[in-house]
Amino acid sequence: MTTVTIQQAFEACQTNKNTWLKRKAELADLEREYREQLLAGDEQIPRRMQDLR
């Protein structure tokens, strides 16, 4: 079994937190883009939604 120091645990937590925050921001940006396209009546939304999946 590997012993993890408090410092190592903290660093791992910070890394996970930063990754999560980055992904959260990316999702918010994509949702904003989707709403803008939806409001603009963009006919290519179905294709773009496939790209996002």
N, C-alpha and C. Protein backbone atom coordinates (compact mmCIF):
# COMPACT_ATOMS: atom_id res chain seq x y z
N MET A 1 0.85 -1.18 0.00
CA MET A 1 0.00 0.00 0.00
C MET A 1 0.89 1.24 0.00
N THR A 2 0.51 2.21 -0.79
CA THR A 2 1.29 3.44 -0.90
C THR A 2 0.82 4.45 0.13
N THR A 3 1.78 5.06 0.80
CA THR A 3 1.47 6.11 1.76
C THR A 3 1.45 7.44 1.03
N VAL A 4 0.35 8.17 1.20
CA VAL A 4 0.19 9.47 0.56
C VAL A 4 0.28 10.54 1.64
N THR A 5 1.15 11.49 1.40
CA THR A 5 1.28 12.57 2.38
C THR A 5 0.12 13.55 2.20
N ILE A 6 -0.07 14.37 3.19
CA ILE A 6 -1.12 15.39 3.11
C ILE A 6 -0.84 16.32 1.93
N GLN A 7 0.41 16.66 1.72
CA GLN A 7 0.77 17.54 0.60
C GLN A 7 0.42 16.89 -0.73
N GLN A 8 0.71 15.61 -0.89
CA GLN A 8 0.39 14.92 -2.14
C GLN A 8 -1.12 14.86 -2.35
N ALA A 9 -1.85 14.59 -1.28
CA ALA A 9 -3.31 14.54 -1.38
C ALA A 9 -3.86 15.91 -1.76
N PHE A 10 -3.32 16.96 -1.17
CA PHE A 10 -3.75 18.32 -1.48
C PHE A 10 -3.48 18.64 -2.95
N GLU A 11 -2.30 18.30 -3.43
CA GLU A 11 -1.95 18.57 -4.83
C GLU A 11 -2.85 17.80 -5.79
N ALA A 12 -3.15 16.56 -5.46
CA ALA A 12 -4.06 15.77 -6.30
C ALA A 12 -5.45 16.38 -6.31
N CYS A 13 -5.89 16.84 -5.16
CA CYS A 13 -7.20 17.48 -5.05
C CYS A 13 -7.24 18.76 -5.88
N GLN A 14 -6.20 19.56 -5.80
CA GLN A 14 -6.13 20.81 -6.57
C GLN A 14 -6.15 20.53 -8.07
N THR A 15 -5.42 19.51 -8.48
CA THR A 15 -5.39 19.14 -9.90
C THR A 15 -6.78 18.73 -10.37
N ASN A 16 -7.45 17.89 -9.58
CA ASN A 16 -8.80 17.46 -9.94
C ASN A 16 -9.76 18.64 -9.97
N LYS A 17 -9.63 19.53 -9.01
CA LYS A 17 -10.49 20.71 -8.96
C LYS A 17 -10.28 21.59 -10.18
N ASN A 18 -9.03 21.83 -10.54
CA ASN A 18 -8.73 22.67 -11.70
C ASN A 18 -9.26 22.05 -12.99
N THR A 19 -9.12 20.74 -13.12
CA THR A 19 -9.63 20.04 -14.29
C THR A 19 -11.15 20.16 -14.35
N TRP A 20 -11.80 19.97 -13.22
CA TRP A 20 -13.26 20.07 -13.16
C TRP A 20 -13.72 21.48 -13.52
N LEU A 21 -13.06 22.50 -12.99
CA LEU A 21 -13.44 23.88 -13.29
C LEU A 21 -13.26 24.21 -14.77
N LYS A 22 -12.20 23.67 -15.37
CA LYS A 22 -11.96 23.90 -16.79
C LYS A 22 -13.08 23.26 -17.62
N ARG A 23 -13.44 22.03 -17.29
CA ARG A 23 -14.50 21.35 -18.03
C ARG A 23 -15.84 22.04 -17.83
N LYS A 24 -16.08 22.53 -16.62
CA LYS A 24 -17.32 23.25 -16.33
C LYS A 24 -17.41 24.51 -17.20
N ALA A 25 -16.30 25.23 -17.33
CA ALA A 25 -16.27 26.44 -18.16
C ALA A 25 -16.48 26.09 -19.64
N GLU A 26 -15.87 25.00 -20.09
CA GLU A 26 -16.05 24.57 -21.48
C GLU A 26 -17.51 24.25 -21.76
N LEU A 27 -18.15 23.56 -20.83
CA LEU A 27 -19.56 23.22 -20.99
C LEU A 27 -20.42 24.48 -21.03
N ALA A 28 -20.14 25.43 -20.16
CA ALA A 28 -20.90 26.68 -20.15
C ALA A 28 -20.74 27.42 -21.48
N ASP A 29 -19.54 27.41 -22.04
CA ASP A 29 -19.31 28.06 -23.33
C ASP A 29 -20.11 27.38 -24.44
N LEU A 30 -20.12 26.05 -24.43
CA LEU A 30 -20.86 25.31 -25.45
C LEU A 30 -22.36 25.53 -25.31
N GLU A 31 -22.84 25.58 -24.07
CA GLU A 31 -24.27 25.83 -23.85
C GLU A 31 -24.65 27.23 -24.32
N ARG A 32 -23.78 28.19 -24.08
CA ARG A 32 -24.03 29.56 -24.51
C ARG A 32 -24.08 29.63 -26.04
N GLU A 33 -23.13 28.96 -26.69
CA GLU A 33 -23.10 28.93 -28.16
C GLU A 33 -24.37 28.29 -28.70
N TYR A 34 -24.80 27.20 -28.08
CA TYR A 34 -26.01 26.51 -28.52
C TYR A 34 -27.23 27.42 -28.40
N ARG A 35 -27.36 28.11 -27.26
CA ARG A 35 -28.49 29.03 -27.07
C ARG A 35 -28.48 30.15 -28.11
N GLU A 36 -27.30 30.69 -28.39
CA GLU A 36 -27.19 31.76 -29.38
C GLU A 36 -27.62 31.26 -30.76
N GLN A 37 -27.20 30.06 -31.12
CA GLN A 37 -27.57 29.51 -32.42
C GLN A 37 -29.06 29.21 -32.48
N LEU A 38 -29.59 28.72 -31.39
CA LEU A 38 -31.01 28.40 -31.33
C LEU A 38 -31.84 29.67 -31.49
N LEU A 39 -31.45 30.73 -30.82
CA LEU A 39 -32.17 32.00 -30.92
C LEU A 39 -32.02 32.63 -32.30
N ALA A 40 -30.90 32.37 -32.96
CA ALA A 40 -30.65 32.93 -34.29
C ALA A 40 -31.34 32.12 -35.38
N GLY A 41 -31.91 30.98 -35.02
CA GLY A 41 -32.58 30.14 -36.01
C GLY A 41 -31.62 29.46 -36.96
N ASP A 42 -30.44 29.12 -36.46
CA ASP A 42 -29.42 28.47 -37.28
C ASP A 42 -29.91 27.09 -37.71
N GLU A 43 -29.94 26.85 -39.03
CA GLU A 43 -30.44 25.58 -39.56
C GLU A 43 -29.43 24.45 -39.41
N GLN A 44 -28.21 24.73 -39.04
CA GLN A 44 -27.18 23.69 -38.92
C GLN A 44 -27.05 23.17 -37.49
N ILE A 45 -27.97 23.53 -36.62
CA ILE A 45 -27.88 23.09 -35.23
C ILE A 45 -27.83 21.57 -35.09
N PRO A 46 -28.69 20.81 -35.79
CA PRO A 46 -28.61 19.34 -35.62
C PRO A 46 -27.22 18.78 -35.92
N ARG A 47 -26.58 19.28 -36.99
CA ARG A 47 -25.24 18.79 -37.33
C ARG A 47 -24.25 19.17 -36.25
N ARG A 48 -24.33 20.39 -35.75
CA ARG A 48 -23.41 20.85 -34.72
C ARG A 48 -23.62 20.08 -33.42
N MET A 49 -24.86 19.74 -33.12
CA MET A 49 -25.12 18.96 -31.91
C MET A 49 -24.46 17.59 -32.02
N GLN A 50 -24.49 17.00 -33.22
CA GLN A 50 -23.81 15.73 -33.43
C GLN A 50 -22.31 15.89 -33.20
N ASP A 51 -21.74 17.00 -33.66
CA ASP A 51 -20.32 17.25 -33.45
C ASP A 51 -19.98 17.33 -31.97
N LEU A 52 -20.86 17.94 -31.19
CA LEU A 52 -20.60 18.09 -29.76
C LEU A 52 -20.67 16.77 -29.03
N ARG A 53 -21.49 15.86 -29.51
CA ARG A 53 -21.63 14.56 -28.86
C ARG A 53 -20.38 13.77 -29.07
